[in-house]
Amino acid sequence: MSDDFIQQKPGAALRSWALYQMMAGAGWAALFVLSVAAILFAVWGIGLLLPEESKQAPDPNAFLITAPAEVMPA
């Protein structure tokens, strides 16, 4: 992009600015996606380090699951 904005056509300057803004946004989006992927891979890696017994344990949230209420016939 040229530093001499006075001699640059307005349409070209606008296109250059828009392209820069879109590329900067794409860069931030890529950084965010890679950060989320790194966190997920870290959790997956920690899961691989756990002993096999911990993977066979019962669900600690089983008390949250309740049976549906009985329907009384009319």
Protein backbone atom coordinates (compact mmCIF):
# COMPACT_ATOMS: atom_id res chain seq x y z
CA MET A 1 0.00 0.00 0.00
CA SER A 2 1.38 3.39 -0.99
CA ASP A 3 2.20 6.02 1.64
CA ASP A 4 1.25 8.86 -0.71
CA PHE A 5 -2.51 8.93 -0.08
CA ILE A 6 -3.04 12.30 -1.79
CA GLN A 7 -2.14 10.96 -5.22
CA GLN A 8 -3.91 7.64 -4.72
CA LYS A 9 -7.37 7.28 -6.23
CA PRO A 10 -10.16 7.23 -3.60
CA GLY A 11 -11.53 3.88 -4.84
CA ALA A 12 -8.11 2.21 -4.61
CA ALA A 13 -7.51 3.62 -1.14
CA LEU A 14 -10.90 2.33 0.03
CA ARG A 15 -10.22 -1.13 -1.44
CA SER A 16 -6.81 -1.26 0.22
CA TRP A 17 -8.27 -0.25 3.57
CA ALA A 18 -11.13 -2.78 3.29
CA LEU A 19 -8.71 -5.56 2.33
CA TYR A 20 -6.49 -4.72 5.30
CA GLN A 21 -9.47 -4.75 7.67
CA MET A 22 -10.68 -8.11 6.36
CA MET A 23 -7.20 -9.66 6.60
CA ALA A 24 -6.76 -8.33 10.14
CA GLY A 25 -10.15 -9.80 11.11
CA ALA A 26 -9.23 -13.13 9.55
CA GLY A 27 -5.97 -13.10 11.51
CA TRP A 28 -7.77 -12.51 14.81
CA ALA A 29 -10.29 -15.25 13.97
CA ALA A 30 -7.47 -17.68 13.16
CA LEU A 31 -5.76 -16.83 16.44
CA PHE A 32 -8.99 -17.48 18.35
CA VAL A 33 -9.63 -20.82 16.59
CA LEU A 34 -6.06 -21.97 17.20
CA SER A 35 -6.34 -20.98 20.87
CA VAL A 36 -9.54 -23.00 21.31
CA ALA A 37 -7.93 -25.96 19.51
CA ALA A 38 -4.87 -25.76 21.78
CA ILE A 39 -7.08 -25.81 24.90
CA LEU A 40 -9.03 -28.81 23.58
CA PHE A 41 -5.82 -30.70 22.74
CA ALA A 42 -4.48 -29.92 26.22
CA VAL A 43 -7.61 -31.38 27.84
CA TRP A 44 -7.38 -34.42 25.56
CA GLY A 45 -3.70 -34.88 26.48
CA ILE A 46 -4.46 -34.66 30.19
CA GLY A 47 -7.19 -37.26 29.66
CA LEU A 48 -4.62 -39.61 28.16
CA LEU A 49 -2.48 -39.29 31.29
CA LEU A 50 -5.30 -40.40 33.61
CA PRO A 51 -5.24 -43.99 34.87
CA GLU A 52 -7.64 -46.48 33.30
CA GLU A 53 -9.54 -46.90 36.60
CA SER A 54 -10.67 -43.28 36.50
CA LYS A 55 -12.23 -43.85 33.10
CA GLN A 56 -14.29 -46.80 34.41
CA ALA A 57 -15.68 -44.96 37.46
CA PRO A 58 -19.42 -44.27 37.68
CA ASP A 59 -20.75 -40.89 36.63
CA PRO A 60 -20.43 -38.40 39.53
CA ASN A 61 -23.50 -36.52 38.27
CA ALA A 62 -25.82 -39.54 38.34
CA PHE A 63 -27.87 -38.00 41.16
CA LEU A 64 -29.01 -35.29 38.74
CA ILE A 65 -30.76 -37.83 36.55
CA THR A 66 -34.27 -38.49 37.81
CA ALA A 67 -36.90 -40.83 36.52
CA PRO A 68 -39.87 -39.22 34.76
CA ALA A 69 -42.93 -38.68 36.91
CA GLU A 70 -45.58 -41.36 36.68
CA VAL A 71 -48.54 -40.39 34.60
CA MET A 72 -51.83 -40.96 36.40
CA PRO A 73 -54.58 -42.34 34.17
CA ALA A 74 -57.56 -40.06 33.76
